Amino acid sequence: AGDRVALVAFGDTAFTLCPLSTDGALLAAALARVE
């Protein structure tokens, strides 16, 4: 839809899995790594 989306995951610490991006494939790949 035109948003720039970033992904942050956290546990004991927090880190950026994906910076702000409009690339849906990049976001999907980053989310697939979340365990």
All heavy atoms as atom14 arrays in JSON, in Angstrom:
{
  "sequence": "AGDRVALVAFGDTAFTLCPLSTDGALLAAALARVE",
  "atom14_mask": [
    [1, 1, 1, 1, 1, 0, 0, 0, 0, 0, 0, 0, 0, 0],
    [1, 1, 1, 1, 0, 0, 0, 0, 0, 0, 0, 0, 0, 0],
    [1, 1, 1, 1, 1, 1, 1, 1, 0, 0, 0, 0, 0, 0],
    [1, 1, 1, 1, 1, 1, 1, 1, 1, 1, 1, 0, 0, 0],
    [1, 1, 1, 1, 1, 1, 1, 0, 0, 0, 0, 0, 0, 0],
    [1, 1, 1, 1, 1, 0, 0, 0, 0, 0, 0, 0, 0, 0],
    [1, 1, 1, 1, 1, 1, 1, 1, 0, 0, 0, 0, 0, 0],
    [1, 1, 1, 1, 1, 1, 1, 0, 0, 0, 0, 0, 0, 0],
    [1, 1, 1, 1, 1, 0, 0, 0, 0, 0, 0, 0, 0, 0],
    [1, 1, 1, 1, 1, 1, 1, 1, 1, 1, 1, 0, 0, 0],
    [1, 1, 1, 1, 0, 0, 0, 0, 0, 0, 0, 0, 0, 0],
    [1, 1, 1, 1, 1, 1, 1, 1, 0, 0, 0, 0, 0, 0],
    [1, 1, 1, 1, 1, 1, 1, 0, 0, 0, 0, 0, 0, 0],
    [1, 1, 1, 1, 1, 0, 0, 0, 0, 0, 0, 0, 0, 0],
    [1, 1, 1, 1, 1, 1, 1, 1, 1, 1, 1, 0, 0, 0],
    [1, 1, 1, 1, 1, 1, 1, 0, 0, 0, 0, 0, 0, 0],
    [1, 1, 1, 1, 1, 1, 1, 1, 0, 0, 0, 0, 0, 0],
    [1, 1, 1, 1, 1, 1, 0, 0, 0, 0, 0, 0, 0, 0],
    [1, 1, 1, 1, 1, 1, 1, 0, 0, 0, 0, 0, 0, 0],
    [1, 1, 1, 1, 1, 1, 1, 1, 0, 0, 0, 0, 0, 0],
    [1, 1, 1, 1, 1, 1, 0, 0, 0, 0, 0, 0, 0, 0],
    [1, 1, 1, 1, 1, 1, 1, 0, 0, 0, 0, 0, 0, 0],
    [1, 1, 1, 1, 1, 1, 1, 1, 0, 0, 0, 0, 0, 0],
    [1, 1, 1, 1, 0, 0, 0, 0, 0, 0, 0, 0, 0, 0],
    [1, 1, 1, 1, 1, 0, 0, 0, 0, 0, 0, 0, 0, 0],
    [1, 1, 1, 1, 1, 1, 1, 1, 0, 0, 0, 0, 0, 0],
    [1, 1, 1, 1, 1, 1, 1, 1, 0, 0, 0, 0, 0, 0],
    [1, 1, 1, 1, 1, 0, 0, 0, 0, 0, 0, 0, 0, 0],
    [1, 1, 1, 1, 1, 0, 0, 0, 0, 0, 0, 0, 0, 0],
    [1, 1, 1, 1, 1, 0, 0, 0, 0, 0, 0, 0, 0, 0],
    [1, 1, 1, 1, 1, 1, 1, 1, 0, 0, 0, 0, 0, 0],
    [1, 1, 1, 1, 1, 0, 0, 0, 0, 0, 0, 0, 0, 0],
    [1, 1, 1, 1, 1, 1, 1, 1, 1, 1, 1, 0, 0, 0],
    [1, 1, 1, 1, 1, 1, 1, 0, 0, 0, 0, 0, 0, 0],
    [1, 1, 1, 1, 1, 1, 1, 1, 1, 0, 0, 0, 0, 0]
  ],
  "atom14_positions": [
    [[0.81, -1.22, 0.0], [0.0, 0.0, 0.0], [0.84, 1.27, 0.0], [0.3, 2.36, -0.09], [-0.93, 0.01, 1.2], [0.0, 0.0, 0.0], [0.0, 0.0, 0.0], [0.0, 0.0, 0.0], [0.0, 0.0, 0.0], [0.0, 0.0, 0.0], [0.0, 0.0, 0.0], [0.0, 0.0, 0.0], [0.0, 0.0, 0.0], [0.0, 0.0, 0.0]],
    [[2.17, 1.14, 0.12], [3.04, 2.32, 0.09], [3.74, 2.63, 1.38], [4.5, 3.6, 1.45], [0.0, 0.0, 0.0], [0.0, 0.0, 0.0], [0.0, 0.0, 0.0], [0.0, 0.0, 0.0], [0.0, 0.0, 0.0], [0.0, 0.0, 0.0], [0.0, 0.0, 0.0], [0.0, 0.0, 0.0], [0.0, 0.0, 0.0], [0.0, 0.0, 0.0]],
    [[3.51, 1.85, 2.43], [4.2, 2.09, 3.69], [5.65, 1.62, 3.61], [5.98, 0.71, 2.87], [3.53, 1.33, 4.84], [2.16, 1.86, 5.16], [1.88, 3.01, 4.79], [1.37, 1.13, 5.78], [0.0, 0.0, 0.0], [0.0, 0.0, 0.0], [0.0, 0.0, 0.0], [0.0, 0.0, 0.0], [0.0, 0.0, 0.0], [0.0, 0.0, 0.0]],
    [[6.49, 2.26, 4.41], [7.83, 1.75, 4.65], [7.8, 1.01, 5.98], [7.45, 1.59, 7.01], [8.87, 2.88, 4.67], [9.0, 3.57, 3.33], [10.14, 4.56, 3.33], [9.9, 5.67, 4.24], [10.77, 6.66, 4.44], [11.92, 6.65, 3.8], [10.49, 7.64, 5.27], [0.0, 0.0, 0.0], [0.0, 0.0, 0.0], [0.0, 0.0, 0.0]],
    [[8.15, -0.27, 5.95], [7.98, -1.14, 7.11], [9.34, -1.65, 7.57], [10.17, -2.06, 6.76], [7.06, -2.33, 6.77], [6.78, -3.17, 8.01], [5.73, -1.83, 6.18], [0.0, 0.0, 0.0], [0.0, 0.0, 0.0], [0.0, 0.0, 0.0], [0.0, 0.0, 0.0], [0.0, 0.0, 0.0], [0.0, 0.0, 0.0], [0.0, 0.0, 0.0]],
    [[9.55, -1.6, 8.88], [10.76, -2.16, 9.49], [10.36, -3.24, 10.48], [9.21, -3.3, 10.94], [11.57, -1.07, 10.19], [0.0, 0.0, 0.0], [0.0, 0.0, 0.0], [0.0, 0.0, 0.0], [0.0, 0.0, 0.0], [0.0, 0.0, 0.0], [0.0, 0.0, 0.0], [0.0, 0.0, 0.0], [0.0, 0.0, 0.0], [0.0, 0.0, 0.0]],
    [[11.31, -4.1, 10.84], [11.04, -5.21, 11.76], [12.1, -5.23, 12.85], [13.31, -5.24, 12.56], [11.04, -6.54, 10.99], [10.82, -7.79, 11.84], [9.43, -7.77, 12.47], [11.0, -9.05, 11.0], [0.0, 0.0, 0.0], [0.0, 0.0, 0.0], [0.0, 0.0, 0.0], [0.0, 0.0, 0.0], [0.0, 0.0, 0.0], [0.0, 0.0, 0.0]],
    [[11.65, -5.25, 14.11], [12.51, -5.36, 15.28], [12.07, -6.58, 16.07], [10.88, -6.76, 16.32], [12.43, -4.08, 16.15], [13.14, -4.29, 17.49], [13.03, -2.9, 15.41], [0.0, 0.0, 0.0], [0.0, 0.0, 0.0], [0.0, 0.0, 0.0], [0.0, 0.0, 0.0], [0.0, 0.0, 0.0], [0.0, 0.0, 0.0], [0.0, 0.0, 0.0]],
    [[13.02, -7.43, 16.43], [12.75, -8.59, 17.28], [13.49, -8.4, 18.6], [14.52, -7.72, 18.66], [13.2, -9.88, 16.59], [0.0, 0.0, 0.0], [0.0, 0.0, 0.0], [0.0, 0.0, 0.0], [0.0, 0.0, 0.0], [0.0, 0.0, 0.0], [0.0, 0.0, 0.0], [0.0, 0.0, 0.0], [0.0, 0.0, 0.0], [0.0, 0.0, 0.0]],
    [[12.97, -9.0, 19.66], [13.63, -8.82, 20.96], [13.42, -10.03, 21.86], [12.46, -10.78, 21.73], [13.12, -7.55, 21.64], [11.7, -7.62, 22.14], [11.41, -7.92, 23.47], [10.64, -7.39, 21.27], [10.1, -7.97, 23.91], [9.32, -7.44, 21.72], [9.05, -7.74, 23.04], [0.0, 0.0, 0.0], [0.0, 0.0, 0.0], [0.0, 0.0, 0.0]],
    [[14.38, -10.2, 22.76], [14.34, -11.17, 23.84], [15.08, -10.54, 25.0], [14.64, -9.55, 25.57], [0.0, 0.0, 0.0], [0.0, 0.0, 0.0], [0.0, 0.0, 0.0], [0.0, 0.0, 0.0], [0.0, 0.0, 0.0], [0.0, 0.0, 0.0], [0.0, 0.0, 0.0], [0.0, 0.0, 0.0], [0.0, 0.0, 0.0], [0.0, 0.0, 0.0]],
    [[16.3, -11.07, 25.34], [17.15, -10.39, 26.3], [17.61, -9.04, 25.77], [17.83, -8.09, 26.54], [18.41, -11.23, 26.59], [18.06, -12.51, 27.36], [16.97, -12.56, 27.96], [18.87, -13.45, 27.34], [0.0, 0.0, 0.0], [0.0, 0.0, 0.0], [0.0, 0.0, 0.0], [0.0, 0.0, 0.0], [0.0, 0.0, 0.0], [0.0, 0.0, 0.0]],
    [[17.78, -8.96, 24.46], [18.18, -7.73, 23.78], [17.25, -7.5, 22.6], [16.51, -8.41, 22.19], [19.64, -7.81, 23.28], [19.76, -8.93, 22.4], [20.6, -7.98, 24.45], [0.0, 0.0, 0.0], [0.0, 0.0, 0.0], [0.0, 0.0, 0.0], [0.0, 0.0, 0.0], [0.0, 0.0, 0.0], [0.0, 0.0, 0.0], [0.0, 0.0, 0.0]],
    [[17.33, -6.33, 22.03], [16.52, -5.99, 20.84], [17.46, -5.7, 19.67], [18.53, -5.11, 19.85], [15.64, -4.78, 21.13], [0.0, 0.0, 0.0], [0.0, 0.0, 0.0], [0.0, 0.0, 0.0], [0.0, 0.0, 0.0], [0.0, 0.0, 0.0], [0.0, 0.0, 0.0], [0.0, 0.0, 0.0], [0.0, 0.0, 0.0], [0.0, 0.0, 0.0]],
    [[17.06, -6.11, 18.49], [17.88, -5.85, 17.31], [16.96, -5.71, 16.09], [15.82, -6.18, 16.07], [18.9, -6.97, 17.08], [18.31, -8.34, 16.94], [18.04, -8.87, 15.69], [18.02, -9.1, 18.06], [17.49, -10.13, 15.56], [17.46, -10.36, 17.93], [17.19, -10.88, 16.69], [0.0, 0.0, 0.0], [0.0, 0.0, 0.0], [0.0, 0.0, 0.0]],
    [[17.5, -5.04, 15.07], [16.74, -4.77, 13.84], [16.94, -5.91, 12.86], [18.07, -6.19, 12.46], [17.2, -3.45, 13.2], [17.06, -2.39, 14.15], [16.37, -3.13, 11.96], [0.0, 0.0, 0.0], [0.0, 0.0, 0.0], [0.0, 0.0, 0.0], [0.0, 0.0, 0.0], [0.0, 0.0, 0.0], [0.0, 0.0, 0.0], [0.0, 0.0, 0.0]],
    [[15.87, -6.55, 12.47], [15.93, -7.6, 11.46], [15.79, -7.05, 10.05], [16.3, -7.61, 9.1], [14.82, -8.64, 11.7], [15.13, -9.75, 12.7], [13.88, -10.59, 12.92], [16.28, -10.61, 12.23], [0.0, 0.0, 0.0], [0.0, 0.0, 0.0], [0.0, 0.0, 0.0], [0.0, 0.0, 0.0], [0.0, 0.0, 0.0], [0.0, 0.0, 0.0]],
    [[15.06, -5.93, 9.91], [14.88, -5.32, 8.59], [14.67, -3.83, 8.79], [13.82, -3.42, 9.58], [13.68, -5.94, 7.88], [13.37, -5.27, 6.22], [0.0, 0.0, 0.0], [0.0, 0.0, 0.0], [0.0, 0.0, 0.0], [0.0, 0.0, 0.0], [0.0, 0.0, 0.0], [0.0, 0.0, 0.0], [0.0, 0.0, 0.0], [0.0, 0.0, 0.0]],
    [[15.44, -2.96, 8.11], [15.22, -1.52, 8.21], [13.95, -1.13, 7.45], [13.31, -1.96, 6.79], [16.47, -0.93, 7.55], [16.89, -1.98, 6.57], [16.54, -3.3, 7.19], [0.0, 0.0, 0.0], [0.0, 0.0, 0.0], [0.0, 0.0, 0.0], [0.0, 0.0, 0.0], [0.0, 0.0, 0.0], [0.0, 0.0, 0.0], [0.0, 0.0, 0.0]],
    [[13.6, 0.14, 7.51], [12.42, 0.61, 6.78], [12.55, 0.3, 5.3], [13.52, 0.67, 4.65], [12.24, 2.11, 6.98], [11.72, 2.55, 8.35], [11.81, 4.07, 8.48], [10.3, 2.09, 8.58], [0.0, 0.0, 0.0], [0.0, 0.0, 0.0], [0.0, 0.0, 0.0], [0.0, 0.0, 0.0], [0.0, 0.0, 0.0], [0.0, 0.0, 0.0]],
    [[11.55, -0.39, 4.77], [11.62, -0.84, 3.38], [10.21, -1.03, 2.84], [9.27, -1.31, 3.6], [12.4, -2.16, 3.29], [12.34, -2.7, 1.98], [0.0, 0.0, 0.0], [0.0, 0.0, 0.0], [0.0, 0.0, 0.0], [0.0, 0.0, 0.0], [0.0, 0.0, 0.0], [0.0, 0.0, 0.0], [0.0, 0.0, 0.0], [0.0, 0.0, 0.0]],
    [[10.07, -0.9, 1.53], [8.81, -1.21, 0.86], [8.91, -2.55, 0.11], [8.03, -2.88, -0.66], [8.45, -0.1, -0.15], [9.52, 0.06, -1.09], [8.19, 1.22, 0.56], [0.0, 0.0, 0.0], [0.0, 0.0, 0.0], [0.0, 0.0, 0.0], [0.0, 0.0, 0.0], [0.0, 0.0, 0.0], [0.0, 0.0, 0.0], [0.0, 0.0, 0.0]],
    [[9.98, -3.29, 0.35], [10.21, -4.57, -0.31], [9.52, -5.67, 0.49], [10.02, -6.09, 1.54], [11.71, -4.83, -0.43], [12.03, -6.05, -1.28], [11.14, -6.9, -1.46], [13.18, -6.16, -1.76], [0.0, 0.0, 0.0], [0.0, 0.0, 0.0], [0.0, 0.0, 0.0], [0.0, 0.0, 0.0], [0.0, 0.0, 0.0], [0.0, 0.0, 0.0]],
    [[8.38, -6.14, 0.01], [7.64, -7.17, 0.73], [8.41, -8.47, 0.85], [8.33, -9.16, 1.87], [0.0, 0.0, 0.0], [0.0, 0.0, 0.0], [0.0, 0.0, 0.0], [0.0, 0.0, 0.0], [0.0, 0.0, 0.0], [0.0, 0.0, 0.0], [0.0, 0.0, 0.0], [0.0, 0.0, 0.0], [0.0, 0.0, 0.0], [0.0, 0.0, 0.0]],
    [[9.19, -8.83, -0.18], [9.97, -10.07, -0.13], [11.05, -10.0, 0.94], [11.32, -10.98, 1.65], [10.59, -10.34, -1.51], [0.0, 0.0, 0.0], [0.0, 0.0, 0.0], [0.0, 0.0, 0.0], [0.0, 0.0, 0.0], [0.0, 0.0, 0.0], [0.0, 0.0, 0.0], [0.0, 0.0, 0.0], [0.0, 0.0, 0.0], [0.0, 0.0, 0.0]],
    [[11.68, -8.83, 1.08], [12.71, -8.66, 2.11], [12.11, -8.78, 3.5], [12.69, -9.43, 4.4], [13.38, -7.29, 1.94], [14.49, -6.94, 2.92], [15.67, -7.89, 2.77], [14.95, -5.5, 2.72], [0.0, 0.0, 0.0], [0.0, 0.0, 0.0], [0.0, 0.0, 0.0], [0.0, 0.0, 0.0], [0.0, 0.0, 0.0], [0.0, 0.0, 0.0]],
    [[10.93, -8.19, 3.71], [10.26, -8.29, 5.01], [9.86, -9.73, 5.32], [10.02, -10.2, 6.45], [9.03, -7.39, 5.01], [9.31, -5.89, 5.04], [8.08, -5.11, 4.62], [9.76, -5.46, 6.42], [0.0, 0.0, 0.0], [0.0, 0.0, 0.0], [0.0, 0.0, 0.0], [0.0, 0.0, 0.0], [0.0, 0.0, 0.0], [0.0, 0.0, 0.0]],
    [[9.35, -10.44, 4.29], [8.95, -11.83, 4.5], [10.15, -12.7, 4.87], [10.06, -13.57, 5.75], [8.27, -12.37, 3.24], [0.0, 0.0, 0.0], [0.0, 0.0, 0.0], [0.0, 0.0, 0.0], [0.0, 0.0, 0.0], [0.0, 0.0, 0.0], [0.0, 0.0, 0.0], [0.0, 0.0, 0.0], [0.0, 0.0, 0.0], [0.0, 0.0, 0.0]],
    [[11.28, -12.47, 4.21], [12.49, -13.23, 4.52], [12.97, -12.95, 5.94], [13.43, -13.86, 6.65], [13.58, -12.9, 3.51], [0.0, 0.0, 0.0], [0.0, 0.0, 0.0], [0.0, 0.0, 0.0], [0.0, 0.0, 0.0], [0.0, 0.0, 0.0], [0.0, 0.0, 0.0], [0.0, 0.0, 0.0], [0.0, 0.0, 0.0], [0.0, 0.0, 0.0]],
    [[12.87, -11.7, 6.39], [13.28, -11.36, 7.75], [12.36, -12.01, 8.78], [12.83, -12.55, 9.79], [13.28, -9.84, 7.92], [0.0, 0.0, 0.0], [0.0, 0.0, 0.0], [0.0, 0.0, 0.0], [0.0, 0.0, 0.0], [0.0, 0.0, 0.0], [0.0, 0.0, 0.0], [0.0, 0.0, 0.0], [0.0, 0.0, 0.0], [0.0, 0.0, 0.0]],
    [[11.06, -11.99, 8.53], [10.12, -12.6, 9.46], [10.29, -14.12, 9.53], [10.08, -14.74, 10.58], [8.68, -12.25, 9.05], [8.21, -10.87, 9.48], [6.99, -10.43, 8.7], [7.9, -10.87, 10.98], [0.0, 0.0, 0.0], [0.0, 0.0, 0.0], [0.0, 0.0, 0.0], [0.0, 0.0, 0.0], [0.0, 0.0, 0.0], [0.0, 0.0, 0.0]],
    [[10.67, -14.74, 8.42], [10.85, -16.19, 8.41], [11.99, -16.62, 9.33], [12.05, -17.79, 9.74], [11.11, -16.67, 6.98], [0.0, 0.0, 0.0], [0.0, 0.0, 0.0], [0.0, 0.0, 0.0], [0.0, 0.0, 0.0], [0.0, 0.0, 0.0], [0.0, 0.0, 0.0], [0.0, 0.0, 0.0], [0.0, 0.0, 0.0], [0.0, 0.0, 0.0]],
    [[12.89, -15.71, 9.66], [14.03, -16.05, 10.52], [13.71, -15.91, 12.01], [14.54, -16.26, 12.85], [15.23, -15.16, 10.18], [15.77, -15.35, 8.78], [17.17, -14.77, 8.65], [17.18, -13.34, 8.92], [17.04, -12.4, 7.99], [16.84, -12.75, 6.73], [17.1, -11.13, 8.32], [0.0, 0.0, 0.0], [0.0, 0.0, 0.0], [0.0, 0.0, 0.0]],
    [[12.54, -15.39, 12.33], [12.19, -15.18, 13.74], [11.87, -16.52, 14.41], [10.98, -17.25, 13.95], [11.01, -14.21, 13.88], [10.58, -14.07, 15.34], [11.37, -12.85, 13.3], [0.0, 0.0, 0.0], [0.0, 0.0, 0.0], [0.0, 0.0, 0.0], [0.0, 0.0, 0.0], [0.0, 0.0, 0.0], [0.0, 0.0, 0.0], [0.0, 0.0, 0.0]],
    [[12.58, -16.83, 15.48], [12.35, -18.04, 16.25], [12.32, -17.68, 17.73], [13.03, -16.76, 18.17], [13.44, -19.09, 16.01], [13.52, -19.6, 14.58], [12.34, -20.51, 14.21], [11.63, -20.95, 15.14], [12.16, -20.78, 13.02], [0.0, 0.0, 0.0], [0.0, 0.0, 0.0], [0.0, 0.0, 0.0], [0.0, 0.0, 0.0], [0.0, 0.0, 0.0]]
  ]
}
